[in-house]
Amino acid sequence: MKRFGLMFTLVAFSATAMAQGTKVTSAASNIKYGELAKAKDALEEAIVHEKTKGQAKTWMVRGDVYKAIAESKDPAKKALSETPTRIALDSYKKAISLDAKGSLRKQINNQLLMMSFTVQNAAYEFNDKKDLVNALDCFEQSLSIDSLASPGKVDSAIIYNAGLIADQGKNYDKARFYYNRCIDIRYGGAQVFGLLAILDKNQGDTAAYMATLERGMKVYPDDCQPLLVEITNHYMQQDQSDLALEYLAKAIEREPNNASFFFAQGAMLDKLGKTDDAKVAYEKAIEINPEHFDSWLNLGVQVYNKAVEMAKAANDIPANKPKEYDAAIAAAFEQMNKAIPYFEKCHTINPADTYTMQALKECYYKLRQTHPEYNDKYNDIKAKLEAAE
């Protein structure tokens, strides 16, 4: 009788284990038919049951359930979990760790790769909702998926976005980590050094801020304008314009063929009202790089602004001096005419720049009475602007 009782106990135990295994199989079928609530409930029981919690298939199917929840367009099904992609990813990781023979690895990898798009879309959706914590988590999930399903793959844009989101969410340690990864893989150019430097500055580490900017200028000597702008603005905010110009002078001495340095010097001098010296700096930048858009633009703006000042002065002439007024306005218009070649050069360099097109449109319009050749140019630039809008 004792032996019979022991056999009865074993049979009952096996039946229970079989029932749990059946639940996992049934859950997989439920996913196919969209019965995600049933599948979810079955898997949540299976992952804690003694006989199924250690099986790779249990965790893989759980991953499939939450992946399906994340991908569902049905609000009721999406409401089954607040962070389905995170749970799916963790489940797939667990399945991989339990899959000693690797028999499920290909199937899991395929699911991960398909889920990658869902995770990235979720990241942008969370970001739109200003939920920066979950947005960052989704970007990190995407990177985890790459490391699991595509070892060696480096998604530079995701790393960069993770840094930006971490920075915005004041998760400065992670922001620093991802910015440095961008620097290591040389993604984002000098701009990433600028972001990292500003992070240093905001945390009160001025020495690290300066060191990061200088390092960025060494790594990207031909594309360091954002860093130069940042460092010169920093000195200007500290009322240290002389130090800013001194720094630029040293940079120019070190790299005399760097057009960006001369442009930055010109912009600084312009800001201080030293337009003649600024003009020399812009012209030097153009001498080095004849296609330096910003230098051509600022030269044009200098000429145009002088025309505006001349027009203002003309408007101050008393009404009883019409000849003097007409002569002054005519001189202002001729000064404006001198700006056109600069703006036209900018438009040649970058035909899509709307600021330049607006400037040309205004100049052509105001001067077309005295310069009929501008009528066709006015109509042409107006059409381009309308097309751009």
Protein backbone atom coordinates (compact mmCIF):
# COMPACT_ATOMS: atom_id res chain seq x y z
CA MET A 1 0.00 0.00 0.00
CA LYS A 2 2.85 2.34 0.78
CA ARG A 3 4.37 1.64 -2.64
CA PHE A 4 1.02 2.34 -4.34
CA GLY A 5 0.71 5.58 -2.40
CA LEU A 6 4.19 6.64 -3.52
CA MET A 7 3.33 5.91 -7.15
CA PHE A 8 0.12 7.93 -6.85
CA THR A 9 2.08 10.89 -5.54
CA LEU A 10 4.56 10.70 -8.41
CA VAL A 11 1.83 10.49 -11.01
CA ALA A 12 0.07 13.51 -9.55
CA PHE A 13 3.32 15.49 -9.51
CA SER A 14 4.05 14.66 -13.15
CA ALA A 15 0.56 15.71 -14.16
CA THR A 16 1.07 19.09 -12.52
CA ALA A 17 4.38 19.60 -14.33
CA MET A 18 2.77 18.55 -17.61
CA ALA A 19 0.00 21.06 -17.03
CA GLN A 20 2.53 23.86 -16.67
CA GLY A 21 4.30 22.78 -19.86
CA THR A 22 0.95 22.77 -21.65
CA LYS A 23 0.32 26.31 -20.46
CA VAL A 24 3.52 27.47 -22.15
CA THR A 25 2.50 25.75 -25.39
CA SER A 26 -1.02 27.14 -25.15
CA ALA A 27 0.35 30.62 -24.52
CA ALA A 28 2.31 30.42 -27.76
CA SER A 29 -0.94 29.59 -29.57
CA ASN A 30 -2.77 32.39 -27.78
CA ILE A 31 -0.22 34.87 -29.15
CA LYS A 32 -0.98 33.78 -32.71
CA TYR A 33 -4.70 34.34 -32.17
CA GLY A 34 -4.21 37.66 -30.40
CA GLU A 35 -5.33 36.40 -26.99
CA LEU A 36 -2.54 38.24 -25.25
CA ALA A 37 -4.15 38.58 -21.81
CA LYS A 38 -4.52 34.77 -21.57
CA ALA A 39 -0.98 34.26 -22.82
CA LYS A 40 0.39 36.77 -20.34
CA ASP A 41 -1.41 35.18 -17.36
CA ALA A 42 -0.24 31.71 -18.33
CA LEU A 43 3.39 32.78 -18.67
CA GLU A 44 3.43 34.70 -15.40
CA GLU A 45 2.44 31.45 -13.69
CA ALA A 46 4.94 29.39 -15.67
CA ILE A 47 7.96 31.58 -14.81
CA VAL A 48 7.47 30.94 -11.09
CA HIS A 49 6.57 27.26 -11.25
CA GLU A 50 9.33 24.95 -10.14
CA LYS A 51 9.19 22.76 -13.27
CA THR A 52 9.03 25.48 -15.94
CA LYS A 53 10.82 28.49 -14.53
CA GLY A 54 14.18 27.03 -15.48
CA GLN A 55 13.25 26.24 -19.09
CA ALA A 56 14.52 28.45 -21.88
CA LYS A 57 11.31 28.04 -23.86
CA THR A 58 9.23 29.44 -21.00
CA TRP A 59 11.18 32.69 -21.02
CA MET A 60 11.32 32.86 -24.80
CA VAL A 61 7.53 32.58 -25.07
CA ARG A 62 7.18 35.18 -22.31
CA GLY A 63 9.35 37.46 -24.43
CA ASP A 64 7.09 36.74 -27.40
CA VAL A 65 4.02 37.69 -25.36
CA TYR A 66 5.36 41.06 -24.28
CA LYS A 67 6.77 41.73 -27.74
CA ALA A 68 3.27 41.18 -29.13
CA ILE A 69 1.82 43.54 -26.51
CA ALA A 70 4.33 46.22 -27.52
CA GLU A 71 3.52 45.80 -31.21
CA SER A 72 -0.28 45.71 -30.78
CA LYS A 73 -2.38 48.58 -32.12
CA ASP A 74 -5.24 47.65 -29.78
CA PRO A 75 -5.27 50.08 -26.80
CA ALA A 76 -6.71 47.39 -24.51
CA LYS A 77 -3.87 45.02 -25.35
CA LYS A 78 -1.22 47.72 -25.09
CA ALA A 79 -2.56 48.51 -21.61
CA LEU A 80 -1.55 45.02 -20.44
CA SER A 81 1.94 46.41 -19.70
CA GLU A 82 3.49 49.84 -19.27
CA THR A 83 6.97 48.70 -20.35
CA PRO A 84 6.43 45.65 -22.58
CA THR A 85 9.66 45.97 -24.56
CA ARG A 86 11.74 46.04 -21.37
CA ILE A 87 10.04 42.88 -20.06
CA ALA A 88 10.36 41.19 -23.45
CA LEU A 89 14.07 41.98 -23.65
CA ASP A 90 14.74 40.77 -20.12
CA SER A 91 12.81 37.58 -20.89
CA TYR A 92 14.83 36.92 -24.05
CA LYS A 93 18.05 37.50 -22.11
CA LYS A 94 16.93 34.96 -19.52
CA ALA A 95 16.03 32.47 -22.27
CA ILE A 96 19.47 32.84 -23.82
CA SER A 97 21.15 32.23 -20.46
CA LEU A 98 19.12 29.01 -19.99
CA ASP A 99 19.52 27.77 -23.58
CA ALA A 100 22.72 25.81 -22.98
CA LYS A 101 22.70 24.09 -26.40
CA GLY A 102 21.71 27.25 -28.26
CA SER A 103 18.79 25.50 -29.96
CA LEU A 104 16.52 28.54 -29.54
CA ARG A 105 19.11 31.22 -30.24
CA LYS A 106 18.28 31.79 -33.91
CA GLN A 107 14.56 32.08 -33.15
CA ILE A 108 15.24 34.49 -30.30
CA ASN A 109 17.59 36.59 -32.42
CA ASN A 110 14.95 36.94 -35.12
CA GLN A 111 12.44 38.14 -32.55
CA LEU A 112 14.96 40.59 -31.12
CA LEU A 113 15.77 42.05 -34.51
CA MET A 114 12.09 42.56 -35.27
CA MET A 115 11.57 44.13 -31.86
CA SER A 116 14.40 46.59 -32.45
CA PHE A 117 12.18 48.84 -34.59
CA THR A 118 9.41 48.73 -31.98
CA VAL A 119 11.84 49.70 -29.24
CA GLN A 120 13.20 52.65 -31.21
CA ASN A 121 9.71 53.89 -32.07
CA ALA A 122 8.76 53.61 -28.40
CA ALA A 123 11.83 55.68 -27.48
CA TYR A 124 10.72 58.53 -29.74
CA GLU A 125 7.13 58.27 -28.48
CA PHE A 126 8.28 58.49 -24.86
CA ASN A 127 10.47 61.45 -25.80
CA ASP A 128 7.51 63.22 -27.41
CA LYS A 129 5.62 62.72 -24.15
CA LYS A 130 8.62 64.14 -22.22
CA ASP A 131 9.00 60.78 -20.46
CA LEU A 132 12.79 60.92 -20.60
CA VAL A 133 13.35 58.02 -18.20
CA ASN A 134 11.52 55.51 -20.39
CA ALA A 135 12.86 57.11 -23.57
CA LEU A 136 16.41 56.53 -22.37
CA ASP A 137 15.52 52.99 -21.27
CA CYS A 138 14.22 52.22 -24.77
CA PHE A 139 17.34 53.57 -26.45
CA GLU A 140 19.42 51.41 -24.11
CA GLN A 141 17.21 48.43 -24.94
CA SER A 142 17.98 49.01 -28.60
CA LEU A 143 21.70 48.93 -27.84
CA SER A 144 21.23 45.73 -25.79
CA ILE A 145 19.36 44.12 -28.67
CA ASP A 146 22.25 44.93 -30.99
CA SER A 147 24.76 43.42 -28.59
CA LEU A 148 22.69 40.23 -28.33
CA ALA A 149 21.44 39.73 -31.89
CA SER A 150 24.18 41.49 -33.88
CA PRO A 151 27.44 41.38 -31.91
CA GLY A 152 29.85 44.03 -33.14
CA LYS A 153 27.12 46.25 -34.57
CA VAL A 154 27.44 49.90 -33.53
CA ASP A 155 24.35 52.07 -33.98
CA SER A 156 25.98 55.48 -33.71
CA ALA A 157 22.75 57.45 -33.93
CA ILE A 158 21.17 55.52 -31.04
CA ILE A 159 24.27 56.06 -28.88
CA TYR A 160 24.11 59.79 -29.66
CA ASN A 161 20.39 60.00 -28.93
CA ALA A 162 20.86 58.13 -25.66
CA GLY A 163 23.39 60.76 -24.63
CA LEU A 164 21.06 63.62 -25.53
CA ILE A 165 18.09 62.11 -23.68
CA ALA A 166 20.21 61.32 -20.62
CA ASP A 167 21.51 64.89 -20.65
CA GLN A 168 18.02 66.38 -20.94
CA GLY A 169 16.83 64.11 -18.13
CA LYS A 170 19.74 65.26 -15.93
CA ASN A 171 21.18 61.75 -15.84
CA TYR A 172 24.63 63.22 -16.23
CA ASP A 173 26.66 60.06 -15.60
CA LYS A 174 24.96 58.26 -18.46
CA ALA A 175 25.09 61.35 -20.66
CA ARG A 176 28.84 61.54 -20.10
CA PHE A 177 29.18 57.81 -20.85
CA TYR A 178 27.33 58.01 -24.17
CA TYR A 179 29.00 61.25 -25.26
CA ASN A 180 32.37 59.63 -24.66
CA ARG A 181 31.28 56.60 -26.66
CA CYS A 182 30.41 58.92 -29.54
CA ILE A 183 33.85 60.47 -29.25
CA ASP A 184 35.48 57.03 -29.24
CA ILE A 185 33.70 55.98 -32.43
CA ARG A 186 34.16 59.49 -33.92
CA TYR A 187 30.45 60.14 -34.36
CA GLY A 188 28.87 63.58 -34.18
CA GLY A 189 32.05 65.50 -34.86
CA ALA A 190 33.06 68.52 -32.80
CA GLN A 191 29.48 69.02 -31.64
CA VAL A 192 29.74 66.09 -29.22
CA PHE A 193 32.78 67.65 -27.59
CA GLY A 194 30.71 70.80 -27.20
CA LEU A 195 27.87 68.91 -25.53
CA LEU A 196 30.29 67.18 -23.19
CA ALA A 197 32.02 70.46 -22.38
CA ILE A 198 28.72 72.17 -21.55
CA LEU A 199 27.85 69.23 -19.30
CA ASP A 200 31.19 69.78 -17.49
CA LYS A 201 30.47 73.50 -17.19
CA ASN A 202 26.95 72.97 -15.86
CA GLN A 203 28.38 70.72 -13.18
CA GLY A 204 30.78 73.44 -12.14
CA ASP A 205 33.96 71.88 -13.53
CA THR A 206 35.40 74.77 -15.55
CA ALA A 207 38.79 73.09 -15.90
CA ALA A 208 37.23 70.00 -17.50
CA TYR A 209 35.05 72.28 -19.66
CA MET A 210 38.09 74.05 -21.09
CA ALA A 211 40.06 70.83 -21.49
CA THR A 212 37.19 69.17 -23.40
CA LEU A 213 36.87 72.11 -25.78
CA GLU A 214 40.61 72.18 -26.45
CA ARG A 215 40.66 68.41 -27.00
CA GLY A 216 37.79 68.72 -29.47
CA MET A 217 39.63 71.41 -31.43
CA LYS A 218 42.66 69.16 -31.72
CA VAL A 219 40.60 66.20 -32.92
CA TYR A 220 38.54 68.29 -35.39
CA PRO A 221 40.75 71.23 -36.37
CA ASP A 222 38.83 71.81 -39.62
CA ASP A 223 35.38 71.54 -38.09
CA CYS A 224 35.73 73.17 -34.72
CA GLN A 225 33.66 76.31 -35.24
CA PRO A 226 30.99 75.28 -32.65
CA LEU A 227 33.74 74.82 -30.06
CA LEU A 228 35.33 78.16 -30.89
CA VAL A 229 31.96 79.86 -30.61
CA GLU A 230 31.40 78.17 -27.26
CA ILE A 231 34.76 79.12 -25.81
CA THR A 232 34.62 82.70 -27.08
CA ASN A 233 31.07 83.10 -25.78
CA HIS A 234 32.27 81.80 -22.43
CA TYR A 235 35.00 84.43 -22.29
CA MET A 236 32.58 87.11 -23.42
CA GLN A 237 30.13 86.15 -20.66
CA GLN A 238 32.98 86.49 -18.22
CA ASP A 239 33.78 89.96 -19.67
CA GLN A 240 37.07 88.57 -20.92
CA SER A 241 36.86 89.55 -24.61
CA ASP A 242 40.57 90.32 -24.70
CA LEU A 243 41.30 86.81 -23.45
CA ALA A 244 38.95 85.37 -26.07
CA LEU A 245 40.74 87.22 -28.86
CA GLU A 246 44.09 86.26 -27.38
CA TYR A 247 43.01 82.62 -27.40
CA LEU A 248 41.96 82.86 -31.03
CA ALA A 249 45.22 84.56 -31.95
CA LYS A 250 47.12 81.64 -30.42
CA ALA A 251 44.91 79.19 -32.26
CA ILE A 252 45.57 81.01 -35.54
CA GLU A 253 49.29 81.03 -34.86
CA ARG A 254 49.14 77.28 -34.31
CA GLU A 255 47.01 76.65 -37.41
CA PRO A 256 47.34 79.61 -39.80
CA ASN A 257 45.40 77.83 -42.58
CA ASN A 258 42.28 77.17 -40.54
CA ALA A 259 39.45 79.27 -42.00
CA SER A 260 37.20 78.55 -39.01
CA PHE A 261 39.61 80.31 -36.66
CA PHE A 262 39.60 83.47 -38.78
CA PHE A 263 35.83 83.39 -39.06
CA ALA A 264 35.49 83.08 -35.28
CA GLN A 265 37.92 85.96 -34.85
CA GLY A 266 35.87 88.06 -37.26
CA ALA A 267 32.61 87.24 -35.47
CA MET A 268 34.17 88.22 -32.14
CA LEU A 269 35.47 91.52 -33.52
CA ASP A 270 32.09 92.18 -35.12
CA LYS A 271 30.42 91.66 -31.77
CA LEU A 272 32.79 94.22 -30.24
CA GLY A 273 31.94 96.75 -32.95
CA LYS A 274 35.34 96.48 -34.65
CA THR A 275 33.86 95.98 -38.11
CA ASP A 276 36.97 96.93 -40.11
CA ASP A 277 39.13 94.42 -38.26
CA ALA A 278 36.33 91.84 -38.57
CA LYS A 279 36.24 92.40 -42.32
CA VAL A 280 39.97 91.63 -42.58
CA ALA A 281 39.44 88.39 -40.64
CA TYR A 282 36.49 87.30 -42.83
CA GLU A 283 38.48 88.03 -45.98
CA LYS A 284 41.36 85.94 -44.66
CA ALA A 285 38.97 83.05 -44.04
CA ILE A 286 37.74 83.33 -47.63
CA GLU A 287 41.31 83.49 -48.91
CA ILE A 288 41.92 80.14 -47.22
CA ASN A 289 38.56 78.67 -48.17
CA PRO A 290 36.82 80.49 -51.05
CA GLU A 291 33.59 78.59 -50.30
CA HIS A 292 33.39 79.61 -46.62
CA PHE A 293 29.68 80.39 -46.50
CA ASP A 294 29.54 82.10 -43.10
CA SER A 295 32.35 84.52 -43.92
CA TRP A 296 30.70 85.56 -47.18
CA LEU A 297 27.41 85.98 -45.35
CA ASN A 298 28.84 88.14 -42.56
CA LEU A 299 30.63 90.35 -45.07
CA GLY A 300 27.34 90.84 -46.86
CA VAL A 301 25.58 91.62 -43.60
CA GLN A 302 28.25 94.20 -42.75
CA VAL A 303 27.69 96.00 -46.06
CA TYR A 304 23.90 95.73 -45.75
CA ASN A 305 23.89 97.04 -42.17
CA LYS A 306 25.87 100.07 -43.28
CA ALA A 307 23.17 100.74 -45.88
CA VAL A 308 20.53 100.53 -43.16
CA GLU A 309 22.41 103.07 -41.03
CA MET A 310 22.72 105.39 -44.04
CA ALA A 311 18.96 105.12 -44.67
CA LYS A 312 18.26 105.96 -41.02
CA ALA A 313 20.48 109.02 -41.29
CA ALA A 314 18.66 110.06 -44.46
CA ASN A 315 15.33 109.88 -42.66
CA ASP A 316 16.63 112.40 -40.12
CA ILE A 317 17.14 115.02 -42.84
CA PRO A 318 14.56 117.81 -42.52
CA ALA A 319 11.63 117.76 -44.99
CA ASN A 320 12.66 121.14 -46.36
CA LYS A 321 15.83 119.63 -47.80
CA PRO A 322 14.44 117.19 -50.41
CA LYS A 323 17.50 117.21 -52.65
CA GLU A 324 19.77 116.36 -49.74
CA TYR A 325 17.36 113.60 -48.69
CA ASP A 326 17.16 112.13 -52.21
CA ALA A 327 20.93 112.09 -52.50
CA ALA A 328 21.31 110.39 -49.10
CA ILE A 329 18.70 107.72 -49.94
CA ALA A 330 20.32 107.11 -53.31
CA ALA A 331 23.66 106.63 -51.59
CA ALA A 332 22.07 104.19 -49.12
CA PHE A 333 20.60 102.17 -51.99
CA GLU A 334 23.95 102.05 -53.77
CA GLN A 335 25.51 100.83 -50.53
CA MET A 336 22.85 98.10 -50.40
CA ASN A 337 23.71 97.17 -53.97
CA LYS A 338 27.24 96.39 -52.82
CA ALA A 339 25.86 93.69 -50.51
CA ILE A 340 24.24 91.74 -53.34
CA PRO A 341 27.41 90.03 -54.66
CA TYR A 342 28.10 88.64 -51.19
CA PHE A 343 24.58 87.27 -50.81
CA GLU A 344 24.65 85.88 -54.35
CA LYS A 345 27.88 84.08 -53.56
CA CYS A 346 26.23 82.59 -50.46
CA HIS A 347 23.29 81.46 -52.58
CA THR A 348 25.70 79.78 -54.99
CA ILE A 349 27.43 77.97 -52.13
CA ASN A 350 24.18 76.93 -50.42
CA PRO A 351 21.13 77.33 -52.69
CA ALA A 352 18.82 76.00 -49.97
CA ASP A 353 19.61 78.68 -47.38
CA THR A 354 16.41 80.68 -46.91
CA TYR A 355 18.05 83.50 -44.94
CA THR A 356 20.21 84.34 -47.95
CA MET A 357 17.24 84.12 -50.30
CA GLN A 358 15.25 86.51 -48.08
CA ALA A 359 18.12 88.98 -48.10
CA LEU A 360 18.40 88.82 -51.89
CA LYS A 361 14.65 89.16 -52.32
CA GLU A 362 14.62 92.34 -50.23
CA CYS A 363 17.62 93.86 -52.01
CA TYR A 364 16.32 93.04 -55.48
CA TYR A 365 12.90 94.47 -54.63
CA LYS A 366 14.23 97.75 -53.25
CA LEU A 367 16.71 98.25 -56.08
CA ARG A 368 14.72 97.09 -59.10
CA GLN A 369 13.53 100.62 -59.93
CA THR A 370 17.05 101.94 -60.33
CA HIS A 371 18.47 98.60 -61.51
CA PRO A 372 15.96 97.01 -63.92
CA GLU A 373 18.21 93.95 -64.29
CA TYR A 374 17.04 92.90 -60.83
CA ASN A 375 13.41 92.43 -61.93
CA ASP A 376 13.98 88.92 -63.28
CA LYS A 377 16.23 88.05 -60.34
CA TYR A 378 13.55 89.20 -57.92
CA ASN A 379 10.89 87.01 -59.57
CA ASP A 380 13.27 84.04 -59.63
CA ILE A 381 14.28 84.28 -55.95
CA LYS A 382 10.67 84.88 -54.91
CA ALA A 383 9.64 81.67 -56.68
CA LYS A 384 12.46 79.74 -55.00
CA LEU A 385 11.41 80.98 -51.58
CA GLU A 386 7.79 80.04 -52.16
CA ALA A 387 8.89 76.57 -53.27
CA ALA A 388 11.05 76.23 -50.17
CA GLU A 389 8.13 77.10 -47.91
